Amino acid sequence: MKPEIHPEYVDAEVHCACGTVIKTKSTRKETHVSTCGTCHPFYTGNSKLIDTEGRVERFNKKFARRRR
């Protein structure tokens, strides 16, 4: 590796919108994210199915007769 061309690798903090702070290492000292492993629906199991304008009902009605 060539000397003096690589960025400095420092201790860093990742701040989530839910308030969780994760300590890691990075080339940036601080990073802000909108979701993390603590609040992401996939990891918490609190996923919600948002039915906008009855799209789920229309889909089920359209394809319900094809199931057998």
N, C-alpha and C. Protein backbone atom coordinates (compact mmCIF):
# COMPACT_ATOMS: atom_id res chain seq x y z
N MET A 1 0.84 -1.18 0.00
CA MET A 1 0.00 0.00 0.00
C MET A 1 0.88 1.25 0.00
N LYS A 2 0.48 2.24 -0.74
CA LYS A 2 1.23 3.48 -0.79
C LYS A 2 0.97 4.29 0.47
N PRO A 3 1.99 4.88 1.05
CA PRO A 3 1.80 5.69 2.25
C PRO A 3 1.14 7.03 1.93
N GLU A 4 0.37 7.52 2.88
CA GLU A 4 -0.23 8.87 2.86
C GLU A 4 -1.28 9.10 1.78
N ILE A 5 -1.90 8.06 1.21
CA ILE A 5 -2.98 8.29 0.24
C ILE A 5 -4.32 7.78 0.76
N HIS A 6 -4.32 7.05 1.87
CA HIS A 6 -5.55 6.48 2.39
C HIS A 6 -6.17 7.39 3.44
N PRO A 7 -7.50 7.45 3.50
CA PRO A 7 -8.15 8.29 4.51
C PRO A 7 -7.93 7.75 5.92
N GLU A 8 -8.05 8.62 6.88
CA GLU A 8 -7.88 8.24 8.28
C GLU A 8 -9.09 7.43 8.74
N TYR A 9 -8.85 6.32 9.43
CA TYR A 9 -9.88 5.43 9.91
C TYR A 9 -10.07 5.69 11.40
N VAL A 10 -11.19 6.33 11.80
CA VAL A 10 -11.38 6.80 13.17
C VAL A 10 -12.60 6.15 13.81
N ASP A 11 -12.72 6.29 15.13
CA ASP A 11 -13.94 5.87 15.82
C ASP A 11 -15.08 6.76 15.36
N ALA A 12 -16.24 6.15 15.12
CA ALA A 12 -17.38 6.89 14.59
C ALA A 12 -18.65 6.53 15.34
N GLU A 13 -19.63 7.42 15.25
CA GLU A 13 -20.95 7.20 15.84
C GLU A 13 -22.00 7.29 14.74
N VAL A 14 -22.91 6.32 14.72
CA VAL A 14 -24.03 6.32 13.79
C VAL A 14 -25.27 6.65 14.60
N HIS A 15 -25.93 7.75 14.26
CA HIS A 15 -27.13 8.19 14.98
C HIS A 15 -28.35 7.86 14.15
N CYS A 16 -29.27 7.11 14.75
CA CYS A 16 -30.52 6.75 14.08
C CYS A 16 -31.61 7.75 14.46
N ALA A 17 -32.65 7.84 13.64
CA ALA A 17 -33.77 8.73 13.92
C ALA A 17 -34.54 8.30 15.17
N CYS A 18 -34.46 7.01 15.54
CA CYS A 18 -35.16 6.53 16.73
C CYS A 18 -34.40 6.85 18.01
N GLY A 19 -33.17 7.36 17.90
CA GLY A 19 -32.40 7.74 19.07
C GLY A 19 -31.26 6.78 19.41
N THR A 20 -31.15 5.69 18.71
CA THR A 20 -30.09 4.72 18.95
C THR A 20 -28.77 5.27 18.43
N VAL A 21 -27.71 5.08 19.21
CA VAL A 21 -26.37 5.48 18.80
C VAL A 21 -25.51 4.23 18.74
N ILE A 22 -24.90 3.98 17.59
CA ILE A 22 -24.06 2.81 17.38
C ILE A 22 -22.63 3.29 17.20
N LYS A 23 -21.71 2.71 17.96
CA LYS A 23 -20.30 3.07 17.83
C LYS A 23 -19.61 2.06 16.93
N THR A 24 -18.84 2.58 15.96
CA THR A 24 -18.15 1.75 14.99
C THR A 24 -16.89 2.48 14.54
N LYS A 25 -16.31 2.05 13.46
CA LYS A 25 -15.16 2.74 12.87
C LYS A 25 -15.50 3.10 11.43
N SER A 26 -15.03 4.27 11.00
CA SER A 26 -15.31 4.74 9.65
C SER A 26 -14.33 5.84 9.29
N THR A 27 -14.43 6.32 8.06
CA THR A 27 -13.63 7.46 7.66
C THR A 27 -14.32 8.77 8.03
N ARG A 28 -15.58 8.70 8.43
CA ARG A 28 -16.33 9.87 8.91
C ARG A 28 -16.58 9.72 10.40
N LYS A 29 -16.53 10.80 11.14
CA LYS A 29 -16.70 10.73 12.59
C LYS A 29 -18.15 10.55 13.01
N GLU A 30 -19.09 11.02 12.19
CA GLU A 30 -20.50 10.97 12.57
C GLU A 30 -21.36 10.75 11.33
N THR A 31 -22.39 9.89 11.47
CA THR A 31 -23.32 9.60 10.38
C THR A 31 -24.73 9.54 10.95
N HIS A 32 -25.70 10.03 10.18
CA HIS A 32 -27.11 10.00 10.59
C HIS A 32 -27.88 9.12 9.61
N VAL A 33 -28.69 8.19 10.14
CA VAL A 33 -29.51 7.30 9.32
C VAL A 33 -30.96 7.38 9.76
N SER A 34 -31.88 6.96 8.89
CA SER A 34 -33.30 7.03 9.22
C SER A 34 -33.80 5.76 9.90
N THR A 35 -33.23 4.59 9.60
CA THR A 35 -33.61 3.35 10.26
C THR A 35 -32.37 2.55 10.60
N CYS A 36 -32.48 1.74 11.65
CA CYS A 36 -31.37 0.89 12.06
C CYS A 36 -31.93 -0.50 12.41
N GLY A 37 -31.10 -1.39 12.88
CA GLY A 37 -31.54 -2.73 13.24
C GLY A 37 -32.48 -2.74 14.43
N THR A 38 -32.46 -1.70 15.23
CA THR A 38 -33.33 -1.62 16.40
C THR A 38 -34.76 -1.25 16.03
N CYS A 39 -34.93 -0.39 15.03
CA CYS A 39 -36.27 0.10 14.71
C CYS A 39 -36.79 -0.36 13.34
N HIS A 40 -36.00 -1.07 12.55
CA HIS A 40 -36.45 -1.49 11.23
C HIS A 40 -37.53 -2.57 11.36
N PRO A 41 -38.63 -2.46 10.61
CA PRO A 41 -39.74 -3.42 10.74
C PRO A 41 -39.35 -4.86 10.46
N PHE A 42 -38.39 -5.11 9.61
CA PHE A 42 -37.98 -6.48 9.32
C PHE A 42 -37.40 -7.15 10.56
N TYR A 43 -36.63 -6.43 11.34
CA TYR A 43 -35.99 -7.00 12.52
C TYR A 43 -36.88 -6.98 13.75
N THR A 44 -37.80 -6.03 13.85
CA THR A 44 -38.67 -5.93 15.02
C THR A 44 -39.92 -6.79 14.89
N GLY A 45 -40.31 -7.13 13.67
CA GLY A 45 -41.53 -7.92 13.47
C GLY A 45 -42.79 -7.08 13.50
N ASN A 46 -42.65 -5.77 13.49
CA ASN A 46 -43.80 -4.87 13.54
C ASN A 46 -44.14 -4.31 12.17
N SER A 47 -43.97 -5.11 11.13
CA SER A 47 -44.26 -4.60 9.80
C SER A 47 -45.76 -4.40 9.64
N LYS A 48 -46.11 -3.35 8.93
CA LYS A 48 -47.51 -3.00 8.73
C LYS A 48 -47.82 -3.05 7.25
N LEU A 49 -48.98 -3.54 6.92
CA LEU A 49 -49.45 -3.53 5.55
C LEU A 49 -50.34 -2.30 5.40
N ILE A 50 -49.87 -1.34 4.66
CA ILE A 50 -50.63 -0.11 4.48
C ILE A 50 -51.44 -0.25 3.20
N ASP A 51 -52.74 -0.25 3.35
CA ASP A 51 -53.64 -0.39 2.22
C ASP A 51 -54.08 0.99 1.78
N THR A 52 -53.48 1.49 0.72
CA THR A 52 -53.87 2.80 0.22
C THR A 52 -54.88 2.62 -0.90
N GLU A 53 -55.99 3.25 -0.73
CA GLU A 53 -57.08 3.27 -1.71
C GLU A 53 -57.64 1.89 -2.02
N GLY A 54 -57.58 0.96 -1.10
CA GLY A 54 -58.17 -0.35 -1.29
C GLY A 54 -57.46 -1.22 -2.30
N ARG A 55 -56.19 -1.00 -2.52
CA ARG A 55 -55.45 -1.74 -3.55
C ARG A 55 -55.33 -3.23 -3.21
N VAL A 56 -55.17 -3.55 -1.94
CA VAL A 56 -55.06 -4.95 -1.55
C VAL A 56 -56.38 -5.67 -1.80
N GLU A 57 -57.49 -5.04 -1.46
CA GLU A 57 -58.80 -5.63 -1.70
C GLU A 57 -59.05 -5.84 -3.19
N ARG A 58 -58.69 -4.85 -4.01
CA ARG A 58 -58.88 -5.00 -5.46
C ARG A 58 -58.02 -6.13 -6.01
N PHE A 59 -56.79 -6.26 -5.52
CA PHE A 59 -55.92 -7.35 -5.96
C PHE A 59 -56.51 -8.70 -5.58
N ASN A 60 -56.94 -8.84 -4.32
CA ASN A 60 -57.52 -10.10 -3.86
C ASN A 60 -58.79 -10.44 -4.63
N LYS A 61 -59.62 -9.45 -4.91
CA LYS A 61 -60.86 -9.70 -5.65
C LYS A 61 -60.55 -10.12 -7.09
N LYS A 62 -59.55 -9.50 -7.69
CA LYS A 62 -59.21 -9.79 -9.08
C LYS A 62 -58.66 -11.20 -9.24
N PHE A 63 -57.82 -11.63 -8.32
CA PHE A 63 -57.16 -12.92 -8.46
C PHE A 63 -57.76 -14.03 -7.59
N ALA A 64 -58.82 -13.78 -6.87
CA ALA A 64 -59.46 -14.79 -6.00
C ALA A 64 -60.13 -15.87 -6.85
N ARG A 65 -60.70 -15.52 -7.97
CA ARG A 65 -61.39 -16.52 -8.78
C ARG A 65 -60.43 -17.43 -9.53
N ARG A 66 -59.16 -17.06 -9.65
CA ARG A 66 -58.21 -17.88 -10.37
C ARG A 66 -57.59 -18.97 -9.49
N ARG A 67 -57.71 -18.83 -8.19
CA ARG A 67 -57.14 -19.84 -7.28
C ARG A 67 -57.99 -21.09 -7.24
N ARG A 68 -57.34 -22.23 -7.22
CA ARG A 68 -58.07 -23.48 -7.06
C ARG A 68 -57.20 -24.46 -6.38
